[in-house]
Amino acid sequence: MPDFNDKPLYDAIIFARDNDVSYTVKDRKGHTPETKNTREWKVVSQTPSAGTPFEPRHKIELTVENSK
């Protein structure tokens, strides 16, 4: 799994789509934010962590914050 920390949410979504991986997005409070402009949100943590092997149809949980 790539390291998405401090990268735009957009990058993680493109990776997920290109590799048939599902994803969920939440903020630090556990809520699902409106992320219409995915380049304005940055990943602050992810599960599974970077370096973890993955297969298609696995799921990434992304915690984000607005970078504006």
PDB file of N, CA and C in Angstrom:
ATOM      1  N   MET A   1       0.838  -1.169   0.000  1.00  0.00           N
ATOM      2  CA  MET A   1       0.000   0.000   0.000  1.00  0.00           C
ATOM      3  C   MET A   1       0.892   1.243   0.000  1.00  0.00           C
ATOM      4  N   PRO A   2       0.632   2.177  -0.902  1.00  0.00           N
ATOM      5  CA  PRO A   2       1.410   3.418  -0.908  1.00  0.00           C
ATOM      6  C   PRO A   2       1.143   4.261   0.347  1.00  0.00           C
ATOM      7  N   ASP A   3       2.022   5.196   0.586  1.00  0.00           N
ATOM      8  CA  ASP A   3       1.862   6.124   1.706  1.00  0.00           C
ATOM      9  C   ASP A   3       1.147   7.371   1.197  1.00  0.00           C
ATOM     10  N   PHE A   4      -0.078   7.588   1.693  1.00  0.00           N
ATOM     11  CA  PHE A   4      -0.859   8.742   1.280  1.00  0.00           C
ATOM     12  C   PHE A   4      -0.817   9.876   2.298  1.00  0.00           C
ATOM     13  N   ASN A   5      -0.141   9.693   3.413  1.00  0.00           N
ATOM     14  CA  ASN A   5      -0.090  10.732   4.442  1.00  0.00           C
ATOM     15  C   ASN A   5       0.485  12.026   3.875  1.00  0.00           C
ATOM     16  N   ASP A   6      -0.191  13.133   4.194  1.00  0.00           N
ATOM     17  CA  ASP A   6       0.169  14.475   3.734  1.00  0.00           C
ATOM     18  C   ASP A   6       0.037  14.656   2.222  1.00  0.00           C
ATOM     19  N   LYS A   7      -0.669  13.756   1.574  1.00  0.00           N
ATOM     20  CA  LYS A   7      -0.912  13.880   0.138  1.00  0.00           C
ATOM     21  C   LYS A   7      -2.388  14.207  -0.085  1.00  0.00           C
ATOM     22  N   PRO A   8      -2.720  14.780  -1.231  1.00  0.00           N
ATOM     23  CA  PRO A   8      -4.130  15.097  -1.509  1.00  0.00           C
ATOM     24  C   PRO A   8      -4.993  13.837  -1.550  1.00  0.00           C
ATOM     25  N   LEU A   9      -6.203  13.958  -1.064  1.00  0.00           N
ATOM     26  CA  LEU A   9      -7.168  12.874  -1.136  1.00  0.00           C
ATOM     27  C   LEU A   9      -7.313  12.392  -2.573  1.00  0.00           C
ATOM     28  N   TYR A  10      -7.217  13.301  -3.507  1.00  0.00           N
ATOM     29  CA  TYR A  10      -7.307  12.983  -4.932  1.00  0.00           C
ATOM     30  C   TYR A  10      -6.356  11.843  -5.310  1.00  0.00           C
ATOM     31  N   ASP A  11      -5.119  11.889  -4.827  1.00  0.00           N
ATOM     32  CA  ASP A  11      -4.127  10.856  -5.157  1.00  0.00           C
ATOM     33  C   ASP A  11      -4.570   9.488  -4.674  1.00  0.00           C
ATOM     34  N   ALA A  12      -5.118   9.429  -3.462  1.00  0.00           N
ATOM     35  CA  ALA A  12      -5.568   8.149  -2.907  1.00  0.00           C
ATOM     36  C   ALA A  12      -6.755   7.601  -3.689  1.00  0.00           C
ATOM     37  N   ILE A  13      -7.659   8.474  -4.100  1.00  0.00           N
ATOM     38  CA  ILE A  13      -8.831   8.032  -4.856  1.00  0.00           C
ATOM     39  C   ILE A  13      -8.418   7.498  -6.230  1.00  0.00           C
ATOM     40  N   ILE A  14      -7.504   8.180  -6.892  1.00  0.00           N
ATOM     41  CA  ILE A  14      -7.020   7.696  -8.191  1.00  0.00           C
ATOM     42  C   ILE A  14      -6.367   6.324  -8.031  1.00  0.00           C
ATOM     43  N   PHE A  15      -5.543   6.152  -7.005  1.00  0.00           N
ATOM     44  CA  PHE A  15      -4.920   4.850  -6.746  1.00  0.00           C
ATOM     45  C   PHE A  15      -5.998   3.783  -6.557  1.00  0.00           C
ATOM     46  N   ALA A  16      -6.996   4.090  -5.725  1.00  0.00           N
ATOM     47  CA  ALA A  16      -8.054   3.121  -5.441  1.00  0.00           C
ATOM     48  C   ALA A  16      -8.785   2.723  -6.726  1.00  0.00           C
ATOM     49  N   ARG A  17      -9.131   3.697  -7.521  1.00  0.00           N
ATOM     50  CA  ARG A  17      -9.848   3.403  -8.776  1.00  0.00           C
ATOM     51  C   ARG A  17      -8.995   2.595  -9.743  1.00  0.00           C
ATOM     52  N   ASP A  18      -7.730   2.948  -9.852  1.00  0.00           N
ATOM     53  CA  ASP A  18      -6.835   2.251 -10.778  1.00  0.00           C
ATOM     54  C   ASP A  18      -6.519   0.827 -10.350  1.00  0.00           C
ATOM     55  N   ASN A  19      -6.671   0.533  -9.047  1.00  0.00           N
ATOM     56  CA  ASN A  19      -6.283  -0.782  -8.519  1.00  0.00           C
ATOM     57  C   ASN A  19      -7.452  -1.580  -7.961  1.00  0.00           C
ATOM     58  N   ASP A  20      -8.680  -1.183  -8.309  1.00  0.00           N
ATOM     59  CA  ASP A  20      -9.885  -1.895  -7.882  1.00  0.00           C
ATOM     60  C   ASP A  20      -9.920  -2.082  -6.361  1.00  0.00           C
ATOM     61  N   VAL A  21      -9.608  -0.986  -5.658  1.00  0.00           N
ATOM     62  CA  VAL A  21      -9.616  -0.978  -4.194  1.00  0.00           C
ATOM     63  C   VAL A  21     -10.715  -0.015  -3.757  1.00  0.00           C
ATOM     64  N   SER A  22     -11.534  -0.427  -2.793  1.00  0.00           N
ATOM     65  CA  SER A  22     -12.569   0.482  -2.297  1.00  0.00           C
ATOM     66  C   SER A  22     -11.975   1.373  -1.207  1.00  0.00           C
ATOM     67  N   TYR A  23     -12.679   2.441  -0.879  1.00  0.00           N
ATOM     68  CA  TYR A  23     -12.164   3.362   0.129  1.00  0.00           C
ATOM     69  C   TYR A  23     -13.312   4.033   0.867  1.00  0.00           C
ATOM     70  N   THR A  24     -13.021   4.450   2.074  1.00  0.00           N
ATOM     71  CA  THR A  24     -13.929   5.283   2.851  1.00  0.00           C
ATOM     72  C   THR A  24     -13.151   6.502   3.296  1.00  0.00           C
ATOM     73  N   VAL A  25     -13.870   7.593   3.494  1.00  0.00           N
ATOM     74  CA  VAL A  25     -13.247   8.855   3.890  1.00  0.00           C
ATOM     75  C   VAL A  25     -13.962   9.372   5.126  1.00  0.00           C
ATOM     76  N   LYS A  26     -13.173   9.790   6.119  1.00  0.00           N
ATOM     77  CA  LYS A  26     -13.741  10.393   7.323  1.00  0.00           C
ATOM     78  C   LYS A  26     -12.811  11.501   7.792  1.00  0.00           C
ATOM     79  N   ASP A  27     -13.366  12.387   8.635  1.00  0.00           N
ATOM     80  CA  ASP A  27     -12.518  13.411   9.226  1.00  0.00           C
ATOM     81  C   ASP A  27     -12.033  12.914  10.586  1.00  0.00           C
ATOM     82  N   ARG A  28     -11.287  13.738  11.288  1.00  0.00           N
ATOM     83  CA  ARG A  28     -10.716  13.308  12.576  1.00  0.00           C
ATOM     84  C   ARG A  28     -11.774  12.993  13.632  1.00  0.00           C
ATOM     85  N   LYS A  29     -12.985  13.533  13.447  1.00  0.00           N
ATOM     86  CA  LYS A  29     -14.078  13.262  14.391  1.00  0.00           C
ATOM     87  C   LYS A  29     -14.879  12.028  13.994  1.00  0.00           C
ATOM     88  N   GLY A  30     -14.511  11.413  12.879  1.00  0.00           N
ATOM     89  CA  GLY A  30     -15.200  10.215  12.429  1.00  0.00           C
ATOM     90  C   GLY A  30     -16.378  10.473  11.519  1.00  0.00           C
ATOM     91  N   HIS A  31     -16.597  11.729  11.138  1.00  0.00           N
ATOM     92  CA  HIS A  31     -17.693  12.082  10.246  1.00  0.00           C
ATOM     93  C   HIS A  31     -17.235  11.992   8.792  1.00  0.00           C
ATOM     94  N   THR A  32     -18.192  11.808   7.913  1.00  0.00           N
ATOM     95  CA  THR A  32     -17.891  11.794   6.490  1.00  0.00           C
ATOM     96  C   THR A  32     -18.028  13.212   5.957  1.00  0.00           C
ATOM     97  N   PRO A  33     -16.917  13.850   5.609  1.00  0.00           N
ATOM     98  CA  PRO A  33     -16.990  15.234   5.123  1.00  0.00           C
ATOM     99  C   PRO A  33     -17.416  15.288   3.665  1.00  0.00           C
ATOM    100  N   GLU A  34     -17.940  16.442   3.255  1.00  0.00           N
ATOM    101  CA  GLU A  34     -18.211  16.664   1.837  1.00  0.00           C
ATOM    102  C   GLU A  34     -16.881  17.006   1.182  1.00  0.00           C
ATOM    103  N   THR A  35     -16.455  16.164   0.299  1.00  0.00           N
ATOM    104  CA  THR A  35     -15.133  16.333  -0.313  1.00  0.00           C
ATOM    105  C   THR A  35     -15.275  16.535  -1.817  1.00  0.00           C
ATOM    106  N   LYS A  36     -16.080  17.519  -2.205  1.00  0.00           N
ATOM    107  CA  LYS A  36     -16.303  17.761  -3.633  1.00  0.00           C
ATOM    108  C   LYS A  36     -15.003  18.058  -4.362  1.00  0.00           C
ATOM    109  N   ASN A  37     -14.155  18.883  -3.783  1.00  0.00           N
ATOM    110  CA  ASN A  37     -12.855  19.169  -4.384  1.00  0.00           C
ATOM    111  C   ASN A  37     -11.807  18.350  -3.637  1.00  0.00           C
ATOM    112  N   THR A  38     -11.498  17.179  -4.149  1.00  0.00           N
ATOM    113  CA  THR A  38     -10.611  16.251  -3.449  1.00  0.00           C
ATOM    114  C   THR A  38      -9.177  16.749  -3.345  1.00  0.00           C
ATOM    115  N   ARG A  39      -8.845  17.773  -4.106  1.00  0.00           N
ATOM    116  CA  ARG A  39      -7.490  18.333  -4.014  1.00  0.00           C
ATOM    117  C   ARG A  39      -7.352  19.270  -2.814  1.00  0.00           C
ATOM    118  N   GLU A  40      -8.474  19.685  -2.227  1.00  0.00           N
ATOM    119  CA  GLU A  40      -8.443  20.561  -1.050  1.00  0.00           C
ATOM    120  C   GLU A  40      -8.344  19.779   0.261  1.00  0.00           C
ATOM    121  N   TRP A  41      -8.401  18.477   0.187  1.00  0.00           N
ATOM    122  CA  TRP A  41      -8.340  17.634   1.378  1.00  0.00           C
ATOM    123  C   TRP A  41      -7.049  16.843   1.354  1.00  0.00           C
ATOM    124  N   LYS A  42      -6.398  16.736   2.516  1.00  0.00           N
ATOM    125  CA  LYS A  42      -5.176  15.925   2.572  1.00  0.00           C
ATOM    126  C   LYS A  42      -5.383  14.779   3.542  1.00  0.00           C
ATOM    127  N   VAL A  43      -4.719  13.693   3.249  1.00  0.00           N
ATOM    128  CA  VAL A  43      -4.799  12.492   4.076  1.00  0.00           C
ATOM    129  C   VAL A  43      -3.901  12.690   5.293  1.00  0.00           C
ATOM    130  N   VAL A  44      -4.458  12.425   6.482  1.00  0.00           N
ATOM    131  CA  VAL A  44      -3.671  12.540   7.712  1.00  0.00           C
ATOM    132  C   VAL A  44      -3.395  11.175   8.337  1.00  0.00           C
ATOM    133  N   SER A  45      -4.152  10.160   7.944  1.00  0.00           N
ATOM    134  CA  SER A  45      -3.848   8.781   8.349  1.00  0.00           C
ATOM    135  C   SER A  45      -4.587   7.826   7.421  1.00  0.00           C
ATOM    136  N   GLN A  46      -4.108   6.590   7.414  1.00  0.00           N
ATOM    137  CA  GLN A  46      -4.709   5.579   6.552  1.00  0.00           C
ATOM    138  C   GLN A  46      -4.609   4.210   7.193  1.00  0.00           C
ATOM    139  N   THR A  47      -5.580   3.365   6.855  1.00  0.00           N
ATOM    140  CA  THR A  47      -5.570   1.966   7.250  1.00  0.00           C
ATOM    141  C   THR A  47      -5.953   1.172   6.014  1.00  0.00           C
ATOM    142  N   PRO A  48      -5.166   0.206   5.583  1.00  0.00           N
ATOM    143  CA  PRO A  48      -3.918  -0.268   6.159  1.00  0.00           C
ATOM    144  C   PRO A  48      -2.782   0.731   5.957  1.00  0.00           C
ATOM    145  N   SER A  49      -1.763   0.567   6.743  1.00  0.00           N
ATOM    146  CA  SER A  49      -0.638   1.493   6.698  1.00  0.00           C
ATOM    147  C   SER A  49       0.203   1.283   5.443  1.00  0.00           C
ATOM    148  N   ALA A  50       1.015   2.279   5.150  1.00  0.00           N
ATOM    149  CA  ALA A  50       1.899   2.229   3.984  1.00  0.00           C
ATOM    150  C   ALA A  50       2.814   1.008   4.074  1.00  0.00           C
ATOM    151  N   GLY A  51       3.034   0.379   2.943  1.00  0.00           N
ATOM    152  CA  GLY A  51       3.909  -0.790   2.881  1.00  0.00           C
ATOM    153  C   GLY A  51       3.177  -2.112   3.062  1.00  0.00           C
ATOM    154  N   THR A  52       1.927  -2.065   3.495  1.00  0.00           N
ATOM    155  CA  THR A  52       1.137  -3.281   3.673  1.00  0.00           C
ATOM    156  C   THR A  52       0.754  -3.835   2.304  1.00  0.00           C
ATOM    157  N   PRO A  53       0.941  -5.136   2.077  1.00  0.00           N
ATOM    158  CA  PRO A  53       0.503  -5.704   0.793  1.00  0.00           C
ATOM    159  C   PRO A  53      -1.013  -5.558   0.628  1.00  0.00           C
ATOM    160  N   PHE A  54      -1.460  -5.376  -0.582  1.00  0.00           N
ATOM    161  CA  PHE A  54      -2.895  -5.259  -0.827  1.00  0.00           C
ATOM    162  C   PHE A  54      -3.259  -6.056  -2.066  1.00  0.00           C
ATOM    163  N   GLU A  55      -4.523  -6.354  -2.183  1.00  0.00           N
ATOM    164  CA  GLU A  55      -5.057  -7.043  -3.343  1.00  0.00           C
ATOM    165  C   GLU A  55      -6.286  -6.289  -3.820  1.00  0.00           C
ATOM    166  N   PRO A  56      -6.680  -6.490  -5.077  1.00  0.00           N
ATOM    167  CA  PRO A  56      -7.914  -5.866  -5.543  1.00  0.00           C
ATOM    168  C   PRO A  56      -9.073  -6.196  -4.607  1.00  0.00           C
ATOM    169  N   ARG A  57      -9.955  -5.250  -4.470  1.00  0.00           N
ATOM    170  CA  ARG A  57     -11.162  -5.329  -3.651  1.00  0.00           C
ATOM    171  C   ARG A  57     -10.890  -5.162  -2.160  1.00  0.00           C
ATOM    172  N   HIS A  58      -9.638  -4.909  -1.789  1.00  0.00           N
ATOM    173  CA  HIS A  58      -9.379  -4.536  -0.401  1.00  0.00           C
ATOM    174  C   HIS A  58      -9.936  -3.141  -0.164  1.00  0.00           C
ATOM    175  N   LYS A  59      -9.959  -2.722   1.073  1.00  0.00           N
ATOM    176  CA  LYS A  59     -10.542  -1.431   1.419  1.00  0.00           C
ATOM    177  C   LYS A  59      -9.504  -0.568   2.130  1.00  0.00           C
ATOM    178  N   ILE A  60      -9.453   0.719   1.765  1.00  0.00           N
ATOM    179  CA  ILE A  60      -8.593   1.688   2.431  1.00  0.00           C
ATOM    180  C   ILE A  60      -9.508   2.620   3.236  1.00  0.00           C
ATOM    181  N   GLU A  61      -9.148   2.858   4.481  1.00  0.00           N
ATOM    182  CA  GLU A  61      -9.848   3.840   5.297  1.00  0.00           C
ATOM    183  C   GLU A  61      -8.943   5.054   5.388  1.00  0.00           C
ATOM    184  N   LEU A  62      -9.442   6.190   4.909  1.00  0.00           N
ATOM    185  CA  LEU A  62      -8.651   7.423   4.857  1.00  0.00           C
ATOM    186  C   LEU A  62      -9.231   8.451   5.805  1.00  0.00           C
ATOM    187  N   THR A  63      -8.385   9.003   6.646  1.00  0.00           N
ATOM    188  CA  THR A  63      -8.781  10.122   7.507  1.00  0.00           C
ATOM    189  C   THR A  63      -8.168  11.362   6.890  1.00  0.00           C
ATOM    190  N   VAL A  64      -9.014  12.399   6.726  1.00  0.00           N
ATOM    191  CA  VAL A  64      -8.588  13.590   6.007  1.00  0.00           C
ATOM    192  C   VAL A  64      -8.872  14.856   6.805  1.00  0.00           C
ATOM    193  N   GLU A  65      -8.208  15.928   6.385  1.00  0.00           N
ATOM    194  CA  GLU A  65      -8.518  17.257   6.901  1.00  0.00           C
ATOM    195  C   GLU A  65      -8.456  18.235   5.740  1.00  0.00           C
ATOM    196  N   ASN A  66      -9.208  19.302   5.850  1.00  0.00           N
ATOM    197  CA  ASN A  66      -9.231  20.297   4.789  1.00  0.00           C
ATOM    198  C   ASN A  66      -7.916  21.061   4.823  1.00  0.00           C
ATOM    199  N   SER A  67      -7.260  21.157   3.709  1.00  0.00           N
ATOM    200  CA  SER A  67      -5.954  21.815   3.653  1.00  0.00           C
ATOM    201  C   SER A  67      -6.061  23.297   3.325  1.00  0.00           C
ATOM    202  N   LYS A  68      -7.265  23.820   3.182  1.00  0.00           N
ATOM    203  CA  LYS A  68      -7.450  25.237   2.886  1.00  0.00           C
ATOM    204  C   LYS A  68      -7.351  26.069   4.137  1.00  0.00           C
TER     205      LYS A  68
END
